[in-house]
Every structure is written in C-alpha cells, then in structure tokens.
N, C-alpha and C. Protein backbone atom coordinates (compact mmCIF):
# COMPACT_ATOMS: atom_id res chain seq x y z
N MET A 1 -5.20 -3.61 -26.62
CA MET A 1 -5.46 -3.97 -25.22
C MET A 1 -6.39 -2.94 -24.59
N PRO A 2 -7.43 -3.40 -23.88
CA PRO A 2 -8.29 -2.45 -23.18
C PRO A 2 -7.59 -1.92 -21.92
N LYS A 3 -8.10 -0.81 -21.44
CA LYS A 3 -7.55 -0.24 -20.21
C LYS A 3 -7.85 -1.17 -19.04
N VAL A 4 -6.95 -1.18 -18.06
CA VAL A 4 -7.16 -1.93 -16.83
C VAL A 4 -7.82 -0.99 -15.84
N LYS A 5 -9.02 -1.30 -15.43
CA LYS A 5 -9.76 -0.42 -14.52
C LYS A 5 -9.51 -0.81 -13.07
N PRO A 6 -9.43 0.18 -12.18
CA PRO A 6 -9.29 -0.14 -10.75
C PRO A 6 -10.62 -0.61 -10.18
N LYS A 7 -10.54 -1.38 -9.11
CA LYS A 7 -11.75 -1.81 -8.40
C LYS A 7 -12.37 -0.60 -7.75
N SER A 8 -13.68 -0.42 -7.93
CA SER A 8 -14.32 0.81 -7.45
C SER A 8 -14.33 0.88 -5.92
N GLY A 9 -14.36 -0.26 -5.24
CA GLY A 9 -14.31 -0.24 -3.78
C GLY A 9 -12.95 0.22 -3.27
N ALA A 10 -11.89 -0.23 -3.92
CA ALA A 10 -10.54 0.17 -3.52
C ALA A 10 -10.27 1.62 -3.87
N LYS A 11 -10.87 2.07 -4.96
CA LYS A 11 -10.70 3.45 -5.41
C LYS A 11 -11.21 4.43 -4.35
N LYS A 12 -12.28 4.03 -3.65
CA LYS A 12 -12.88 4.89 -2.63
C LYS A 12 -12.12 4.83 -1.30
N ARG A 13 -11.36 3.77 -1.07
CA ARG A 13 -10.76 3.55 0.24
C ARG A 13 -9.30 3.93 0.35
N PHE A 14 -8.59 4.01 -0.77
CA PHE A 14 -7.14 4.24 -0.75
C PHE A 14 -6.78 5.45 -1.59
N LYS A 15 -5.71 6.16 -1.17
CA LYS A 15 -5.17 7.29 -1.91
C LYS A 15 -3.67 7.09 -2.07
N LEU A 16 -3.16 7.41 -3.23
CA LEU A 16 -1.73 7.30 -3.50
C LEU A 16 -1.05 8.62 -3.14
N THR A 17 0.06 8.55 -2.39
CA THR A 17 0.80 9.76 -2.04
C THR A 17 1.82 10.06 -3.13
N ALA A 18 2.46 11.21 -3.02
CA ALA A 18 3.44 11.63 -4.03
C ALA A 18 4.68 10.74 -4.02
N THR A 19 4.99 10.15 -2.86
CA THR A 19 6.18 9.30 -2.76
C THR A 19 5.90 7.85 -3.15
N GLY A 20 4.63 7.54 -3.47
CA GLY A 20 4.30 6.17 -3.90
C GLY A 20 3.72 5.30 -2.81
N LYS A 21 3.59 5.85 -1.61
CA LYS A 21 2.94 5.08 -0.54
C LYS A 21 1.43 5.19 -0.69
N ILE A 22 0.70 4.35 0.04
CA ILE A 22 -0.75 4.35 -0.07
C ILE A 22 -1.36 4.66 1.29
N LYS A 23 -2.20 5.72 1.32
CA LYS A 23 -2.88 6.13 2.55
C LYS A 23 -4.18 5.38 2.68
N MET A 24 -4.60 5.16 3.93
CA MET A 24 -5.86 4.48 4.21
C MET A 24 -6.43 5.02 5.51
N LYS A 25 -7.71 4.81 5.71
CA LYS A 25 -8.33 5.13 6.99
C LYS A 25 -8.37 3.88 7.85
N HIS A 26 -8.35 4.08 9.16
CA HIS A 26 -8.42 2.94 10.08
C HIS A 26 -9.84 2.41 10.20
N ALA A 27 -9.95 1.14 10.48
CA ALA A 27 -11.25 0.51 10.70
C ALA A 27 -11.65 0.67 12.17
N TYR A 28 -12.82 0.19 12.51
CA TYR A 28 -13.36 0.15 13.88
C TYR A 28 -13.67 1.54 14.43
N LYS A 29 -14.10 2.46 13.62
CA LYS A 29 -14.44 3.81 14.10
C LYS A 29 -15.86 4.19 13.70
N ARG A 30 -16.73 3.21 13.38
CA ARG A 30 -18.06 3.51 12.87
C ARG A 30 -19.15 3.43 13.94
N HIS A 31 -19.13 2.39 14.74
CA HIS A 31 -20.20 2.20 15.74
C HIS A 31 -19.64 1.43 16.91
N ILE A 32 -20.46 1.26 17.94
CA ILE A 32 -20.06 0.65 19.22
C ILE A 32 -18.82 1.37 19.76
N LEU A 33 -18.94 2.69 19.86
CA LEU A 33 -17.81 3.50 20.30
C LEU A 33 -17.79 3.71 21.81
N THR A 34 -18.86 3.34 22.50
CA THR A 34 -18.92 3.62 23.94
C THR A 34 -17.94 2.78 24.74
N LYS A 35 -17.69 1.57 24.31
CA LYS A 35 -16.78 0.71 25.06
C LYS A 35 -15.31 0.91 24.70
N LYS A 36 -15.04 1.71 23.67
CA LYS A 36 -13.66 1.97 23.27
C LYS A 36 -13.16 3.21 24.01
N SER A 37 -11.90 3.16 24.39
CA SER A 37 -11.34 4.28 25.14
C SER A 37 -11.14 5.49 24.23
N THR A 38 -11.06 6.66 24.85
CA THR A 38 -10.87 7.89 24.10
C THR A 38 -9.55 7.87 23.33
N LYS A 39 -8.52 7.33 23.95
CA LYS A 39 -7.21 7.25 23.30
C LYS A 39 -7.27 6.37 22.06
N ARG A 40 -7.96 5.26 22.18
CA ARG A 40 -8.08 4.34 21.05
C ARG A 40 -8.85 4.99 19.89
N LYS A 41 -9.94 5.68 20.22
CA LYS A 41 -10.75 6.34 19.18
C LYS A 41 -9.95 7.46 18.52
N ARG A 42 -9.18 8.19 19.30
CA ARG A 42 -8.37 9.28 18.77
C ARG A 42 -7.29 8.75 17.81
N ASN A 43 -6.68 7.64 18.16
CA ASN A 43 -5.66 7.05 17.29
C ASN A 43 -6.24 6.48 16.01
N LEU A 44 -7.50 6.05 16.05
CA LEU A 44 -8.14 5.53 14.85
C LEU A 44 -8.57 6.65 13.90
N THR A 45 -8.64 7.89 14.40
CA THR A 45 -9.06 9.01 13.56
C THR A 45 -8.03 9.34 12.48
N SER A 46 -6.75 9.23 12.82
CA SER A 46 -5.71 9.60 11.87
C SER A 46 -5.61 8.59 10.74
N THR A 47 -5.09 9.05 9.61
CA THR A 47 -4.89 8.14 8.47
C THR A 47 -3.62 7.34 8.70
N GLY A 48 -3.60 6.15 8.13
CA GLY A 48 -2.44 5.29 8.24
C GLY A 48 -1.89 4.96 6.86
N MET A 49 -0.79 4.26 6.84
CA MET A 49 -0.18 3.81 5.59
C MET A 49 -0.36 2.31 5.46
N VAL A 50 -0.54 1.84 4.24
CA VAL A 50 -0.66 0.41 3.98
C VAL A 50 0.70 -0.23 4.23
N SER A 51 0.72 -1.38 4.89
CA SER A 51 1.98 -2.04 5.20
C SER A 51 2.62 -2.59 3.93
N ASP A 52 3.91 -2.85 4.01
CA ASP A 52 4.65 -3.35 2.85
C ASP A 52 4.13 -4.72 2.40
N ALA A 53 3.64 -5.52 3.36
CA ALA A 53 3.15 -6.85 3.03
C ALA A 53 1.88 -6.78 2.17
N ASP A 54 1.07 -5.75 2.37
CA ASP A 54 -0.19 -5.60 1.62
C ASP A 54 -0.07 -4.70 0.41
N MET A 55 1.09 -4.08 0.22
CA MET A 55 1.25 -3.08 -0.83
C MET A 55 0.98 -3.63 -2.23
N SER A 56 1.48 -4.82 -2.53
CA SER A 56 1.31 -5.35 -3.88
C SER A 56 -0.15 -5.68 -4.16
N ASN A 57 -0.88 -6.19 -3.16
CA ASN A 57 -2.30 -6.49 -3.36
C ASN A 57 -3.11 -5.22 -3.60
N VAL A 58 -2.83 -4.16 -2.84
CA VAL A 58 -3.58 -2.92 -2.98
C VAL A 58 -3.26 -2.26 -4.32
N LYS A 59 -2.00 -2.31 -4.73
CA LYS A 59 -1.62 -1.72 -6.02
C LYS A 59 -2.31 -2.47 -7.17
N ARG A 60 -2.47 -3.76 -7.02
CA ARG A 60 -3.16 -4.54 -8.05
C ARG A 60 -4.64 -4.15 -8.11
N LEU A 61 -5.26 -3.93 -6.94
CA LEU A 61 -6.65 -3.50 -6.90
C LEU A 61 -6.85 -2.11 -7.51
N LEU A 62 -5.84 -1.24 -7.31
CA LEU A 62 -5.91 0.12 -7.83
C LEU A 62 -5.41 0.21 -9.28
N ALA A 63 -4.95 -0.90 -9.82
CA ALA A 63 -4.44 -0.98 -11.20
C ALA A 63 -3.29 0.00 -11.41
N ILE A 64 -2.37 0.03 -10.43
CA ILE A 64 -1.17 0.86 -10.54
C ILE A 64 -0.08 0.00 -11.14
N GLY A 65 0.46 0.45 -12.26
CA GLY A 65 1.49 -0.31 -12.95
C GLY A 65 2.82 -0.26 -12.23
N LYS A 66 3.74 -1.08 -12.69
CA LYS A 66 5.07 -1.13 -12.05
C LYS A 66 6.02 -0.17 -12.73
C-alpha cells in the first residue's frame, strides 16, 4: 500500500495539538478591514479550534489515522 498523503492546502492551514485537537486561523482578516470594528478584528487575530462537526473532514484532509 502506498502512503496516504495529506492535502497540501490543508497542511498549510491546520496544525494538530498535543491533545489531538486541530488549530486554525480565523477567516475575514485579509482585506476590507476599515468597516470592521476593532473588537471584531482583534478577536479574529487569535487562533481557534476546529469544531467537532468538522473534525472528521479535516482529519481526512490531513490524512490522520484513527
């Protein structure tokens, strides 16, 4: 059997933590920032965790076994 390779786009966007959760960056922080409030931009700066509903899809993209 050949190795299962992760999707290169997902590899750049997600990081696996030591506890098995998946870290991600928030969207909507690239451009058109003038109309967004400072509080909203500040909250988008921090990293977030992938929700449980999306966890299986992201793990499949990252080729993380069970």
